[in-house]
């Protein structure tokens, strides 16, 4: 069974005390996936902060970071006090590992 990277991030954040919801959705008519504000797959909050999370492979982390930093909607999110976190996943020695980058805050 293939492991979903979003599922890994959801579990990772929940273990850190966050309440997490998926924000990405698939439009069957357009046959395309859409992220919240064009950059977010998950939203996570813990009473102190609110995170918009982009989940990707570790190899795509820098590409997603550049795309996100150019987003006007993300700039609004950050100016309103939200944080943006990128999760880059890969398998190393048969175990999943994460590289986490944060924008804002």
Protein backbone atom coordinates (compact mmCIF):
# COMPACT_ATOMS: atom_id res chain seq x y z
CA UNK A 1 0.00 0.00 0.00
CA UNK A 2 1.33 3.44 -0.97
CA UNK A 3 1.62 5.94 1.88
CA UNK A 4 0.11 9.39 1.32
CA UNK A 5 2.50 12.21 2.17
CA UNK A 6 -0.44 14.28 3.45
CA UNK A 7 -1.33 11.44 5.81
CA UNK A 8 2.26 11.42 7.10
CA UNK A 9 2.13 15.18 7.70
CA UNK A 10 -1.28 14.99 9.37
CA UNK A 11 -0.02 12.33 11.78
CA UNK A 12 3.23 14.25 12.40
CA UNK A 13 1.34 17.44 13.28
CA UNK A 14 -1.24 15.66 15.44
CA UNK A 15 1.60 14.09 17.43
CA UNK A 16 2.86 17.65 18.05
CA UNK A 17 -0.56 18.64 19.47
CA UNK A 18 -2.21 20.24 16.43
CA UNK A 19 -5.76 19.76 15.20
CA UNK A 20 -5.41 19.12 11.48
CA UNK A 21 -7.80 19.20 8.52
CA UNK A 22 -7.20 18.50 4.86
CA UNK A 23 -7.82 21.55 2.63
CA UNK A 24 -6.81 20.20 -0.77
CA UNK A 25 -9.68 19.00 -2.96
CA UNK A 26 -10.11 17.34 -6.33
CA UNK A 27 -12.41 18.91 -8.92
CA UNK A 28 -13.80 16.04 -10.99
CA UNK A 29 -14.99 18.32 -13.79
CA UNK A 30 -11.61 19.99 -14.21
CA UNK A 31 -9.80 16.75 -13.31
CA UNK A 32 -7.42 18.80 -11.20
CA UNK A 33 -6.39 19.17 -7.54
CA UNK A 34 -6.80 22.54 -5.84
CA UNK A 35 -4.98 23.71 -2.69
CA UNK A 36 -6.27 26.26 -0.18
CA UNK A 37 -5.06 29.70 -1.36
CA UNK A 38 -3.23 27.85 -4.14
CA UNK A 39 -0.53 26.55 -1.78
CA UNK A 40 -2.01 24.66 1.21
CA UNK A 41 -2.82 20.97 1.56
CA UNK A 42 -3.51 21.02 5.31
CA UNK A 43 -4.53 23.53 7.94
CA UNK A 44 -3.34 22.97 11.51
CA UNK A 45 -4.01 24.87 14.73
CA UNK A 46 -3.17 24.43 18.38
CA UNK A 47 -4.63 27.48 20.15
CA UNK A 48 -1.40 29.48 19.80
CA UNK A 49 -0.81 29.44 16.06
CA UNK A 50 -2.41 28.50 12.79
CA UNK A 51 -0.45 26.80 10.03
CA UNK A 52 -1.09 26.37 6.34
CA UNK A 53 0.92 23.33 5.26
CA UNK A 54 2.17 22.39 1.80
CA UNK A 55 3.11 18.71 1.57
CA UNK A 56 5.50 17.47 -1.08
CA UNK A 57 8.42 15.16 -1.71
CA UNK A 58 11.77 16.27 -0.37
CA UNK A 59 13.04 16.63 -3.97
CA UNK A 60 10.29 19.16 -4.78
CA UNK A 61 10.71 21.24 -1.62
CA UNK A 62 12.68 24.11 -3.18
CA UNK A 63 10.34 24.34 -6.20
CA UNK A 64 7.29 24.52 -3.93
CA UNK A 65 9.01 27.08 -1.72
CA UNK A 66 9.66 29.37 -4.70
CA UNK A 67 6.08 28.97 -5.95
CA UNK A 68 4.68 29.74 -2.50
CA UNK A 69 6.88 32.79 -1.96
CA UNK A 70 5.45 34.29 -5.18
CA UNK A 71 1.82 33.82 -4.07
CA UNK A 72 -0.09 37.03 -3.30
CA UNK A 73 -2.70 35.02 -1.38
CA UNK A 74 0.01 33.53 0.82
CA UNK A 75 1.36 37.03 1.50
CA UNK A 76 -2.11 37.96 2.83
CA UNK A 77 -2.15 34.81 4.99
CA UNK A 78 1.24 35.69 6.47
CA UNK A 79 0.33 39.36 7.04
CA UNK A 80 -2.75 38.19 8.97
CA UNK A 81 -0.51 36.27 11.36
CA UNK A 82 -0.72 32.79 9.84
CA UNK A 83 2.36 30.64 9.38
CA UNK A 84 3.21 28.68 6.26
CA UNK A 85 5.05 25.39 6.60
CA UNK A 86 6.45 23.17 3.89
CA UNK A 87 6.85 19.47 4.59
CA UNK A 88 9.24 17.58 2.32
CA UNK A 89 9.17 13.81 2.72
CA UNK A 90 11.44 11.04 1.52
CA UNK A 91 12.36 7.53 2.52
CA UNK A 92 15.83 7.02 3.94
CA UNK A 93 17.03 3.60 5.05
CA UNK A 94 13.45 2.32 4.67
CA UNK A 95 12.00 4.96 7.04
CA UNK A 96 10.07 8.13 6.28
CA UNK A 97 11.82 11.37 7.21
CA UNK A 98 10.67 14.97 6.99
CA UNK A 99 12.39 18.23 6.20
CA UNK A 100 10.34 21.15 7.52
CA UNK A 101 10.60 24.78 6.38
CA UNK A 102 8.58 27.64 7.88
CA UNK A 103 7.67 31.02 6.36
CA UNK A 104 6.18 33.76 8.52
CA UNK A 105 6.09 34.13 12.24
